[in-house]
Amino acid sequence: MKYFSEKEKKLEMALDKLKKLNLIDDEGRKNLEFLSDQKNQLEIEKNELENKHQNLMNEHHKLKDQLKAMKEKNSKHKLDQLKFNEKIDELNQETDILLDEIDKWQT
């Protein structure tokens, strides 16, 4: 057991030393900073696009509901127009019948 704990301590010390080493040169560091900046910019743009998309989806649903309401209103209007036309036809028929009756009485 003592052997494993000593090896573990040595490995931990070696890992600490490796972590402290500066393996990235200045150009590599600049590239990392540039990539980090690009990543941040892309995340900002992504969030803006997601917000715009959500706003467009909300507007789409709103317009879809308005269109549905207009179609229902138009359908009701057409139904009312048909009923009105039927009533007009009925009145015309009754008027024709009455005119025929008047003609019969006059002759």
N, C-alpha and C. Protein backbone atom coordinates (compact mmCIF):
# COMPACT_ATOMS: atom_id res chain seq x y z
N MET A 1 0.82 -1.19 0.00
CA MET A 1 0.00 0.00 0.00
C MET A 1 0.86 1.25 0.00
N LYS A 2 1.95 1.17 0.77
CA LYS A 2 2.84 2.32 0.86
C LYS A 2 3.40 2.66 -0.51
N TYR A 3 3.67 1.64 -1.28
CA TYR A 3 4.22 1.81 -2.62
C TYR A 3 3.28 2.62 -3.51
N PHE A 4 1.97 2.30 -3.45
CA PHE A 4 0.98 3.00 -4.28
C PHE A 4 0.80 4.45 -3.85
N SER A 5 0.81 4.69 -2.57
CA SER A 5 0.62 6.06 -2.10
C SER A 5 1.82 6.92 -2.48
N GLU A 6 3.03 6.34 -2.44
CA GLU A 6 4.22 7.10 -2.87
C GLU A 6 4.15 7.41 -4.36
N LYS A 7 3.75 6.42 -5.13
CA LYS A 7 3.61 6.64 -6.58
C LYS A 7 2.55 7.70 -6.87
N GLU A 8 1.45 7.66 -6.12
CA GLU A 8 0.38 8.63 -6.32
C GLU A 8 0.88 10.04 -6.01
N LYS A 9 1.63 10.21 -4.95
CA LYS A 9 2.19 11.52 -4.59
C LYS A 9 3.14 12.02 -5.67
N LYS A 10 3.97 11.13 -6.19
CA LYS A 10 4.91 11.50 -7.24
C LYS A 10 4.16 11.93 -8.51
N LEU A 11 3.11 11.19 -8.84
CA LEU A 11 2.32 11.53 -10.02
C LEU A 11 1.63 12.88 -9.84
N GLU A 12 1.12 13.14 -8.64
CA GLU A 12 0.48 14.43 -8.38
C GLU A 12 1.49 15.56 -8.49
N MET A 13 2.69 15.35 -8.00
CA MET A 13 3.73 16.37 -8.10
C MET A 13 4.11 16.61 -9.56
N ALA A 14 4.20 15.55 -10.33
CA ALA A 14 4.54 15.68 -11.74
C ALA A 14 3.43 16.43 -12.49
N LEU A 15 2.17 16.14 -12.17
CA LEU A 15 1.05 16.84 -12.80
C LEU A 15 1.07 18.32 -12.45
N ASP A 16 1.36 18.64 -11.20
CA ASP A 16 1.45 20.05 -10.80
C ASP A 16 2.54 20.77 -11.58
N LYS A 17 3.67 20.12 -11.75
CA LYS A 17 4.77 20.73 -12.50
C LYS A 17 4.38 20.94 -13.96
N LEU A 18 3.68 19.95 -14.54
CA LEU A 18 3.24 20.07 -15.94
C LEU A 18 2.24 21.22 -16.11
N LYS A 19 1.37 21.36 -15.13
CA LYS A 19 0.38 22.44 -15.21
C LYS A 19 1.05 23.81 -15.17
N LYS A 20 2.16 23.90 -14.44
CA LYS A 20 2.84 25.18 -14.29
C LYS A 20 3.68 25.54 -15.52
N LEU A 21 3.99 24.55 -16.35
CA LEU A 21 4.80 24.82 -17.54
C LEU A 21 4.04 25.69 -18.52
N ASN A 22 4.72 26.58 -19.16
CA ASN A 22 4.13 27.45 -20.17
C ASN A 22 4.37 26.81 -21.53
N LEU A 23 3.39 26.00 -21.97
CA LEU A 23 3.55 25.26 -23.22
C LEU A 23 3.07 26.05 -24.44
N ILE A 24 2.38 27.16 -24.23
CA ILE A 24 1.84 27.93 -25.34
C ILE A 24 2.70 29.18 -25.53
N ASP A 25 3.17 29.39 -26.75
CA ASP A 25 3.97 30.58 -27.04
C ASP A 25 3.07 31.80 -27.23
N ASP A 26 3.66 32.95 -27.45
CA ASP A 26 2.88 34.19 -27.59
C ASP A 26 1.91 34.13 -28.77
N GLU A 27 2.37 33.57 -29.89
CA GLU A 27 1.49 33.48 -31.05
C GLU A 27 0.31 32.57 -30.77
N GLY A 28 0.57 31.47 -30.09
CA GLY A 28 -0.51 30.56 -29.72
C GLY A 28 -1.50 31.22 -28.77
N ARG A 29 -0.97 32.01 -27.83
CA ARG A 29 -1.82 32.73 -26.88
C ARG A 29 -2.69 33.75 -27.63
N LYS A 30 -2.08 34.44 -28.60
CA LYS A 30 -2.83 35.42 -29.40
C LYS A 30 -3.95 34.72 -30.19
N ASN A 31 -3.60 33.56 -30.75
CA ASN A 31 -4.61 32.79 -31.48
C ASN A 31 -5.76 32.36 -30.56
N LEU A 32 -5.40 31.93 -29.36
CA LEU A 32 -6.43 31.54 -28.40
C LEU A 32 -7.32 32.72 -28.03
N GLU A 33 -6.71 33.88 -27.81
CA GLU A 33 -7.50 35.08 -27.48
C GLU A 33 -8.40 35.46 -28.65
N PHE A 34 -7.84 35.38 -29.87
CA PHE A 34 -8.64 35.70 -31.06
C PHE A 34 -9.82 34.75 -31.19
N LEU A 35 -9.57 33.45 -31.00
CA LEU A 35 -10.64 32.46 -31.09
C LEU A 35 -11.67 32.67 -29.98
N SER A 36 -11.20 33.04 -28.81
CA SER A 36 -12.11 33.29 -27.69
C SER A 36 -13.00 34.51 -28.01
N ASP A 37 -12.38 35.55 -28.59
CA ASP A 37 -13.16 36.73 -28.97
C ASP A 37 -14.19 36.38 -30.04
N GLN A 38 -13.77 35.60 -31.02
CA GLN A 38 -14.71 35.18 -32.07
C GLN A 38 -15.85 34.35 -31.48
N LYS A 39 -15.52 33.47 -30.57
CA LYS A 39 -16.54 32.63 -29.92
C LYS A 39 -17.54 33.52 -29.20
N ASN A 40 -17.03 34.50 -28.44
CA ASN A 40 -17.93 35.40 -27.72
C ASN A 40 -18.82 36.18 -28.68
N GLN A 41 -18.23 36.67 -29.78
CA GLN A 41 -19.00 37.42 -30.76
C GLN A 41 -20.08 36.54 -31.38
N LEU A 42 -19.72 35.30 -31.72
CA LEU A 42 -20.70 34.38 -32.30
C LEU A 42 -21.82 34.06 -31.31
N GLU A 43 -21.49 33.94 -30.03
CA GLU A 43 -22.52 33.69 -29.03
C GLU A 43 -23.48 34.88 -28.93
N ILE A 44 -22.92 36.10 -28.99
CA ILE A 44 -23.75 37.30 -28.96
C ILE A 44 -24.68 37.32 -30.17
N GLU A 45 -24.13 37.06 -31.36
CA GLU A 45 -24.94 37.04 -32.58
C GLU A 45 -25.99 35.95 -32.53
N LYS A 46 -25.61 34.80 -31.99
CA LYS A 46 -26.56 33.68 -31.86
C LYS A 46 -27.72 34.09 -30.96
N ASN A 47 -27.42 34.72 -29.83
CA ASN A 47 -28.48 35.15 -28.92
C ASN A 47 -29.40 36.18 -29.58
N GLU A 48 -28.79 37.11 -30.33
CA GLU A 48 -29.60 38.11 -31.04
C GLU A 48 -30.51 37.44 -32.06
N LEU A 49 -29.96 36.48 -32.81
CA LEU A 49 -30.76 35.77 -33.81
C LEU A 49 -31.86 34.94 -33.16
N GLU A 50 -31.56 34.32 -32.03
CA GLU A 50 -32.58 33.55 -31.33
C GLU A 50 -33.71 34.47 -30.86
N ASN A 51 -33.35 35.67 -30.37
CA ASN A 51 -34.37 36.62 -29.94
C ASN A 51 -35.21 37.08 -31.13
N LYS A 52 -34.56 37.38 -32.26
CA LYS A 52 -35.29 37.79 -33.45
C LYS A 52 -36.21 36.66 -33.92
N HIS A 53 -35.71 35.44 -33.89
CA HIS A 53 -36.51 34.28 -34.30
C HIS A 53 -37.73 34.14 -33.40
N GLN A 54 -37.52 34.29 -32.09
CA GLN A 54 -38.64 34.17 -31.16
C GLN A 54 -39.67 35.27 -31.41
N ASN A 55 -39.19 36.49 -31.66
CA ASN A 55 -40.10 37.59 -31.96
C ASN A 55 -40.89 37.32 -33.24
N LEU A 56 -40.21 36.79 -34.26
CA LEU A 56 -40.90 36.46 -35.51
C LEU A 56 -41.92 35.35 -35.30
N MET A 57 -41.58 34.38 -34.48
CA MET A 57 -42.52 33.29 -34.21
C MET A 57 -43.75 33.83 -33.47
N ASN A 58 -43.52 34.74 -32.51
CA ASN A 58 -44.65 35.34 -31.79
C ASN A 58 -45.53 36.14 -32.75
N GLU A 59 -44.90 36.90 -33.63
CA GLU A 59 -45.65 37.69 -34.60
C GLU A 59 -46.41 36.77 -35.56
N HIS A 60 -45.77 35.68 -35.96
CA HIS A 60 -46.42 34.70 -36.84
C HIS A 60 -47.68 34.14 -36.19
N HIS A 61 -47.57 33.75 -34.93
CA HIS A 61 -48.74 33.20 -34.23
C HIS A 61 -49.84 34.26 -34.10
N LYS A 62 -49.43 35.49 -33.82
CA LYS A 62 -50.41 36.57 -33.69
C LYS A 62 -51.14 36.79 -35.02
N LEU A 63 -50.37 36.85 -36.12
CA LEU A 63 -50.98 37.04 -37.44
C LEU A 63 -51.85 35.84 -37.83
N LYS A 64 -51.39 34.66 -37.47
CA LYS A 64 -52.17 33.45 -37.76
C LYS A 64 -53.52 33.50 -37.04
N ASP A 65 -53.50 33.93 -35.77
CA ASP A 65 -54.75 34.05 -35.02
C ASP A 65 -55.66 35.12 -35.62
N GLN A 66 -55.05 36.24 -36.04
CA GLN A 66 -55.84 37.31 -36.66
C GLN A 66 -56.47 36.82 -37.96
N LEU A 67 -55.71 36.08 -38.76
CA LEU A 67 -56.24 35.55 -40.01
C LEU A 67 -57.38 34.59 -39.75
N LYS A 68 -57.23 33.74 -38.75
CA LYS A 68 -58.29 32.80 -38.40
C LYS A 68 -59.55 33.56 -37.99
N ALA A 69 -59.39 34.60 -37.18
CA ALA A 69 -60.54 35.39 -36.75
C ALA A 69 -61.20 36.07 -37.95
N MET A 70 -60.39 36.60 -38.87
CA MET A 70 -60.95 37.25 -40.06
C MET A 70 -61.69 36.24 -40.93
N LYS A 71 -61.15 35.04 -41.08
CA LYS A 71 -61.82 34.00 -41.87
C LYS A 71 -63.16 33.63 -41.24
N GLU A 72 -63.17 33.51 -39.91
CA GLU A 72 -64.42 33.19 -39.22
C GLU A 72 -65.44 34.31 -39.40
N LYS A 73 -64.96 35.54 -39.29
CA LYS A 73 -65.85 36.69 -39.47
C LYS A 73 -66.39 36.73 -40.90
N ASN A 74 -65.51 36.47 -41.87
CA ASN A 74 -65.91 36.46 -43.29
C ASN A 74 -66.91 35.33 -43.54
N SER A 75 -66.66 34.18 -42.95
CA SER A 75 -67.57 33.05 -43.12
C SER A 75 -68.94 33.38 -42.53
N LYS A 76 -68.95 34.00 -41.35
CA LYS A 76 -70.21 34.40 -40.73
C LYS A 76 -70.92 35.44 -41.59
N HIS A 77 -70.16 36.35 -42.14
CA HIS A 77 -70.74 37.38 -43.00
C HIS A 77 -71.37 36.74 -44.24
N LYS A 78 -70.67 35.78 -44.84
CA LYS A 78 -71.22 35.09 -46.02
C LYS A 78 -72.50 34.34 -45.66
N LEU A 79 -72.50 33.70 -44.49
CA LEU A 79 -73.69 32.98 -44.04
C LEU A 79 -74.85 33.94 -43.84
N ASP A 80 -74.57 35.08 -43.22
CA ASP A 80 -75.61 36.10 -43.04
C ASP A 80 -76.11 36.60 -44.39
N GLN A 81 -75.20 36.78 -45.33
CA GLN A 81 -75.58 37.25 -46.67
C GLN A 81 -76.49 36.23 -47.36
N LEU A 82 -76.15 34.94 -47.21
CA LEU A 82 -77.00 33.89 -47.79
C LEU A 82 -78.39 33.90 -47.17
N LYS A 83 -78.45 34.03 -45.85
CA LYS A 83 -79.74 34.06 -45.18
C LYS A 83 -80.54 35.28 -45.64
N PHE A 84 -79.87 36.40 -45.77
CA PHE A 84 -80.53 37.62 -46.22
C PHE A 84 -81.09 37.43 -47.63
N ASN A 85 -80.28 36.85 -48.51
CA ASN A 85 -80.73 36.60 -49.88
C ASN A 85 -81.91 35.64 -49.91
N GLU A 86 -81.90 34.63 -49.04
CA GLU A 86 -83.02 33.70 -48.97
C GLU A 86 -84.29 34.43 -48.53
N LYS A 87 -84.15 35.31 -47.56
CA LYS A 87 -85.31 36.08 -47.09
C LYS A 87 -85.83 36.98 -48.21
N ILE A 88 -84.93 37.60 -48.95
CA ILE A 88 -85.32 38.44 -50.08
C ILE A 88 -86.08 37.61 -51.11
N ASP A 89 -85.55 36.41 -51.41
CA ASP A 89 -86.23 35.52 -52.36
C ASP A 89 -87.62 35.14 -51.86
N GLU A 90 -87.72 34.83 -50.57
CA GLU A 90 -89.02 34.49 -50.00
C GLU A 90 -89.99 35.67 -50.13
N LEU A 91 -89.49 36.85 -49.81
CA LEU A 91 -90.35 38.04 -49.92
C LEU A 91 -90.76 38.29 -51.37
N ASN A 92 -89.85 38.07 -52.30
CA ASN A 92 -90.18 38.23 -53.73
C ASN A 92 -91.25 37.24 -54.15
N GLN A 93 -91.13 35.99 -53.68
CA GLN A 93 -92.13 34.99 -54.02
C GLN A 93 -93.49 35.36 -53.42
N GLU A 94 -93.48 35.81 -52.16
CA GLU A 94 -94.73 36.21 -51.53
C GLU A 94 -95.34 37.42 -52.26
N THR A 95 -94.49 38.33 -52.68
CA THR A 95 -94.97 39.50 -53.42
C THR A 95 -95.59 39.07 -54.75
N ASP A 96 -94.92 38.14 -55.44
CA ASP A 96 -95.47 37.63 -56.70
C ASP A 96 -96.83 36.97 -56.47
N ILE A 97 -96.94 36.19 -55.42
CA ILE A 97 -98.20 35.52 -55.11
C ILE A 97 -99.28 36.56 -54.82
N LEU A 98 -98.92 37.57 -54.03
CA LEU A 98 -99.88 38.62 -53.70
C LEU A 98 -100.30 39.40 -54.95
N LEU A 99 -99.35 39.67 -55.83
CA LEU A 99 -99.68 40.37 -57.07
C LEU A 99 -100.61 39.53 -57.94
N ASP A 100 -100.36 38.22 -57.97
CA ASP A 100 -101.25 37.32 -58.71
C ASP A 100 -102.64 37.33 -58.11
N GLU A 101 -102.73 37.31 -56.81
CA GLU A 101 -104.03 37.34 -56.15
C GLU A 101 -104.77 38.67 -56.44
N ILE A 102 -104.01 39.75 -56.42
CA ILE A 102 -104.61 41.07 -56.71
C ILE A 102 -105.13 41.08 -58.15
N ASP A 103 -104.32 40.53 -59.07
CA ASP A 103 -104.74 40.45 -60.47
C ASP A 103 -106.02 39.64 -60.60
N LYS A 104 -106.12 38.54 -59.88
CA LYS A 104 -107.32 37.70 -59.94
C LYS A 104 -108.55 38.48 -59.44
N TRP A 105 -108.37 39.24 -58.41
CA TRP A 105 -109.50 39.99 -57.83
C TRP A 105 -109.92 41.14 -58.73
N GLN A 106 -108.96 41.68 -59.45
CA GLN A 106 -109.28 42.80 -60.32
C GLN A 106 -109.98 42.34 -61.58
N THR A 107 -109.79 41.14 -61.99
CA THR A 107 -110.42 40.69 -63.24
C THR A 107 -111.71 40.01 -63.01
